[in-house]
Protein backbone atom coordinates (compact mmCIF):
# COMPACT_ATOMS: atom_id res chain seq x y z
CA MET A 1 18.31 -2.74 11.49
CA ASP A 2 17.55 -5.95 9.61
CA ILE A 3 17.11 -6.03 5.89
CA ARG A 4 13.53 -7.10 6.45
CA ASP A 5 12.82 -3.91 8.34
CA ASN A 6 14.17 -1.87 5.39
CA LEU A 7 12.00 -3.90 3.00
CA THR A 8 8.95 -3.43 5.18
CA ALA A 9 9.53 0.35 5.48
CA GLY A 10 10.08 0.56 1.77
CA TRP A 11 6.91 -1.26 0.87
CA ARG A 12 4.97 0.64 3.43
CA THR A 13 6.14 4.00 1.95
CA PHE A 14 5.45 2.78 -1.62
CA SER A 15 2.02 1.50 -0.64
CA GLY A 16 1.13 4.85 1.03
CA PHE A 17 2.24 6.69 -2.12
CA VAL A 18 0.43 4.28 -4.49
CA LEU A 19 -2.76 4.40 -2.41
CA SER A 20 -2.68 8.22 -2.37
CA LEU A 21 -2.01 8.28 -6.16
CA GLY A 22 -4.87 5.87 -6.75
CA GLY A 23 -7.13 8.08 -4.62
CA ILE A 24 -6.10 11.19 -6.72
CA PHE A 25 -6.91 9.32 -9.89
CA ALA A 26 -10.30 8.28 -8.42
CA LEU A 27 -10.97 11.87 -7.42
CA VAL A 28 -10.40 12.97 -11.03
CA TYR A 29 -12.56 10.08 -12.39
CA GLY A 30 -15.37 10.91 -9.96
CA LEU A 31 -15.38 14.61 -10.77
CA MET A 32 -15.33 13.89 -14.53
CA ALA A 33 -18.28 11.44 -14.06
CA VAL A 34 -20.26 14.07 -12.27
CA TYR A 35 -19.46 17.17 -14.29
CA ARG A 36 -18.43 15.85 -17.74
CA SER A 37 -20.61 12.84 -18.39
CA THR A 38 -20.15 13.18 -22.16
CA PHE A 39 -16.57 12.06 -21.77
CA PHE A 40 -17.74 8.57 -20.81
CA ALA A 41 -19.54 5.90 -22.75
CA GLY A 42 -23.12 6.85 -23.16
CA ASP A 43 -24.62 3.28 -23.24
CA ALA A 44 -22.99 2.03 -20.04
CA VAL A 45 -25.18 -0.07 -17.77
CA PHE A 46 -24.42 0.02 -14.00
CA ALA A 47 -25.44 -2.32 -11.22
CA PHE A 48 -27.53 0.43 -9.62
CA GLY A 49 -27.84 4.18 -10.20
CA GLY A 50 -26.36 6.19 -13.00
CA LEU A 51 -23.07 7.68 -13.95
CA GLU A 52 -23.43 10.59 -11.58
CA THR A 53 -24.18 8.30 -8.62
CA TRP A 54 -21.07 6.26 -9.35
CA GLY A 55 -19.07 9.46 -9.86
CA TRP A 56 -19.91 10.55 -6.34
CA ILE A 57 -19.19 7.11 -4.89
CA THR A 58 -15.85 7.06 -6.72
CA PHE A 59 -15.08 10.60 -5.57
CA GLY A 60 -15.86 9.64 -1.92
CA LEU A 61 -13.66 6.53 -2.12
CA GLY A 62 -10.90 8.66 -3.66
CA VAL A 63 -10.99 11.09 -0.74
CA LEU A 64 -10.84 8.22 1.71
CA ALA A 65 -7.95 6.63 -0.24
CA VAL A 66 -5.90 9.82 -0.18
CA ALA A 67 -6.50 10.30 3.59
CA SER A 68 -5.68 6.53 4.25
CA GLY A 69 -2.55 6.70 2.09
CA LEU A 70 -1.26 9.76 3.99
CA ALA A 71 -2.02 7.94 7.28
CA VAL A 72 -0.02 4.90 6.14
CA PHE A 73 3.15 7.03 6.03
CA GLY A 74 2.85 7.27 9.87
CA GLY A 75 3.41 3.52 10.16
CA ARG A 76 0.34 2.90 12.35
CA GLU A 77 -1.21 -0.57 12.24
CA TRP A 78 -4.83 0.85 12.04
CA ALA A 79 -3.82 2.94 9.00
CA ARG A 80 -2.49 -0.21 7.26
CA TRP A 81 -5.70 -2.12 7.77
CA THR A 82 -7.79 0.92 6.85
CA GLY A 83 -5.72 1.27 3.73
CA ILE A 84 -6.34 -2.36 2.76
CA GLY A 85 -10.09 -1.95 3.26
CA ILE A 86 -10.34 1.34 1.40
CA ALA A 87 -8.18 0.07 -1.52
CA GLY A 88 -10.25 -3.11 -1.67
CA LEU A 89 -13.51 -1.13 -1.82
CA GLY A 90 -11.95 1.21 -4.37
CA ALA A 91 -10.91 -1.66 -6.60
CA LEU A 92 -14.37 -3.18 -6.35
CA GLY A 93 -15.96 0.22 -7.19
CA GLN A 94 -13.68 0.56 -10.24
CA LEU A 95 -14.65 -2.90 -11.37
CA LEU A 96 -18.38 -1.95 -11.15
CA THR A 97 -17.82 1.24 -13.15
CA ALA A 98 -15.60 -0.24 -15.84
CA GLN A 99 -18.25 -0.02 -18.44
CA ALA A 100 -18.18 3.74 -18.51
CA TYR A 101 -14.40 4.10 -19.25
CA PRO A 102 -12.79 0.66 -19.13
CA LEU A 103 -9.02 1.48 -19.45
CA TRP A 104 -9.06 4.19 -16.85
CA SER A 105 -11.04 2.02 -14.49
CA LEU A 106 -8.73 -0.99 -14.88
CA MET A 107 -5.71 1.27 -14.41
CA ILE A 108 -7.06 2.60 -11.14
CA MET A 109 -8.12 -0.94 -10.04
CA GLY A 110 -4.57 -2.11 -10.75
CA VAL A 111 -3.07 0.70 -8.56
CA TYR A 112 -5.43 -0.19 -5.76
CA LEU A 113 -4.57 -3.86 -5.91
CA LEU A 114 -0.87 -3.06 -5.83
CA ALA A 115 -1.45 -1.04 -2.68
CA VAL A 116 -3.37 -3.90 -1.13
CA TYR A 117 -0.48 -6.23 -1.97
CA GLY A 118 2.14 -3.97 -0.42
CA LEU A 119 0.11 -3.27 2.70
CA ALA A 120 -0.91 -6.89 3.28
CA VAL A 121 2.26 -8.79 2.56
CA TYR A 122 5.01 -6.42 3.62
CA GLY A 123 3.18 -4.71 6.48
CA VAL A 124 3.73 -7.47 8.95
CA ARG A 125 6.48 -6.70 11.38
CA GLU A 126 8.69 -9.40 12.82
CA THR A 127 7.94 -10.18 16.48
CA ALA A 128 10.48 -10.97 19.18
CA ALA A 129 9.35 -14.60 19.28
CA THR A 130 10.21 -15.23 15.64
CA SER A 131 13.44 -13.24 15.71
CA SER A 132 14.70 -15.43 18.63
CA ILE A 133 14.16 -18.61 16.59
CA SER A 134 16.63 -17.43 13.85
CA ARG A 135 19.51 -16.73 16.32
CA PRO A 136 22.53 -18.97 16.05
CA GLU A 137 23.27 -21.43 18.83
CA GLY A 138 25.19 -19.97 21.78
CA ILE A 139 23.63 -16.53 21.61
CA ASP A 140 21.04 -15.85 24.23
CA ALA A 141 17.81 -14.05 23.24
CA GLY A 142 18.60 -11.24 25.71
CA SER A 143 22.10 -10.56 24.59
CA GLU A 144 22.68 -8.38 21.57
CA GLU A 145 25.85 -8.83 19.56
CA ARG A 146 26.98 -5.79 17.69
CA PRO A 147 27.89 -6.27 13.99
CA ALA A 148 31.49 -6.47 12.98
CA THR A 149 32.74 -3.39 11.41
CA ILE A 150 35.65 -3.07 8.91
CA GLU A 151 38.03 -1.96 11.72
CA ASP A 152 37.09 -5.01 13.83
CA ARG A 153 37.82 -7.30 10.87
CA SER A 154 41.13 -5.71 10.14
CA ARG A 155 42.16 -5.97 13.77
CA ARG A 156 41.35 -9.64 13.77
CA GLU A 157 43.33 -10.15 10.58
CA ARG A 158 46.33 -8.35 12.12
CA ARG A 159 46.20 -10.51 15.24
CA ALA A 160 45.95 -13.65 13.10
CA ALA A 161 49.00 -12.72 11.03
């Protein structure tokens, strides 16, 4: 396994976790906006609708983010693209509701953007065409050379001595 595969798997796991965490935060935010509207700023002006409307929108995006974050753990390509889309919509939604509770909205938006970064940049897997370019000369693309272990190295050193 290549170090890039480990990095990709690590970022995929991290992005799935962060996307689920951002979804949970959005769920709490949405429910608070619907049921405890006195917690938020009273003079907030929204692009359309009121605080209750945006609470339900945020709640729905939170549910989708949690479901998408859990699907990302499976490593499917569709889940990665769905996660990028849901996190992007969630970040945009948080930007539009930032007047009601700015610090909480910006925190959730930052979490979503971190998930988008992890899914977009480190979700790309290396193809066979690009891996054959990086092979040293003299090694065919079809032949696999096993990595040298400590025992192999010590045998070579004994033979050389």
